């Protein structure tokens, strides 16, 4: 399926797609981490028991 046309061109195209997918994955991962942190901070502000538990965990 990939062998049609210039093989070097196809390799380059595959590399570009892989790079784009990798960048997308990294961006999504960072976004997820940031959102998780925000949610955690929000929950900590609302619940003092959780805050005490987290401060104990951080120590």
Protein backbone atom coordinates (compact mmCIF):
# COMPACT_ATOMS: atom_id res chain seq x y z
CA UNK A 1 0.00 0.00 0.00
CA UNK A 2 2.81 2.42 0.90
CA UNK A 3 5.03 1.28 -2.01
CA UNK A 4 3.18 3.31 -4.68
CA UNK A 5 5.12 6.31 -5.99
CA UNK A 6 8.53 7.42 -4.75
CA UNK A 7 9.60 5.41 -1.69
CA UNK A 8 11.75 8.30 -0.33
CA UNK A 9 8.76 10.64 -0.59
CA UNK A 10 6.59 8.11 1.25
CA UNK A 11 9.19 7.73 4.01
CA UNK A 12 9.28 11.51 4.43
CA UNK A 13 5.48 11.65 4.58
CA UNK A 14 5.39 8.91 7.22
CA UNK A 15 8.02 10.73 9.28
CA UNK A 16 6.02 13.96 9.09
CA UNK A 17 2.83 12.19 10.21
CA UNK A 18 4.69 10.52 13.09
CA UNK A 19 6.15 13.87 14.18
CA UNK A 20 2.73 15.53 14.11
CA UNK A 21 1.18 12.68 16.10
CA UNK A 22 3.98 12.84 18.68
CA UNK A 23 3.57 16.61 19.10
CA UNK A 24 -0.20 16.18 19.42
CA UNK A 25 0.25 13.48 22.08
CA UNK A 26 2.66 15.66 24.08
CA UNK A 27 0.32 18.67 23.89
CA UNK A 28 -2.64 16.56 25.01
CA UNK A 29 -0.60 15.05 27.87
CA UNK A 30 0.55 18.47 29.11
CA UNK A 31 -3.02 19.81 28.84
CA UNK A 32 -4.32 16.83 30.83
CA UNK A 33 -1.68 17.35 33.54
CA UNK A 34 -2.51 21.07 33.84
CA UNK A 35 -6.26 20.35 34.05
CA UNK A 36 -5.66 17.66 36.68
CA UNK A 37 -3.62 20.09 38.79
CA UNK A 38 -6.31 22.76 38.50
CA UNK A 39 -8.99 20.26 39.55
CA UNK A 40 -6.86 19.13 42.50
CA UNK A 41 -6.30 22.72 43.65
CA UNK A 42 -10.03 23.42 43.30
CA UNK A 43 -10.90 20.36 45.40
CA UNK A 44 -8.26 21.26 48.01
CA UNK A 45 -9.73 24.74 48.43
CA UNK A 46 -13.19 23.28 48.92
CA UNK A 47 -12.23 20.46 51.28
CA UNK A 48 -9.95 21.19 54.27
CA UNK A 49 -9.63 17.51 55.18
CA UNK A 50 -8.11 16.84 51.76
CA UNK A 51 -5.76 19.79 52.22
CA UNK A 52 -4.48 18.37 55.52
CA UNK A 53 -4.05 14.95 53.89
CA UNK A 54 -2.15 16.45 50.95
CA UNK A 55 0.12 18.53 53.19
CA UNK A 56 0.91 15.35 55.12
CA UNK A 57 1.63 13.51 51.84
CA UNK A 58 3.88 16.32 50.54
CA UNK A 59 5.97 16.19 53.73
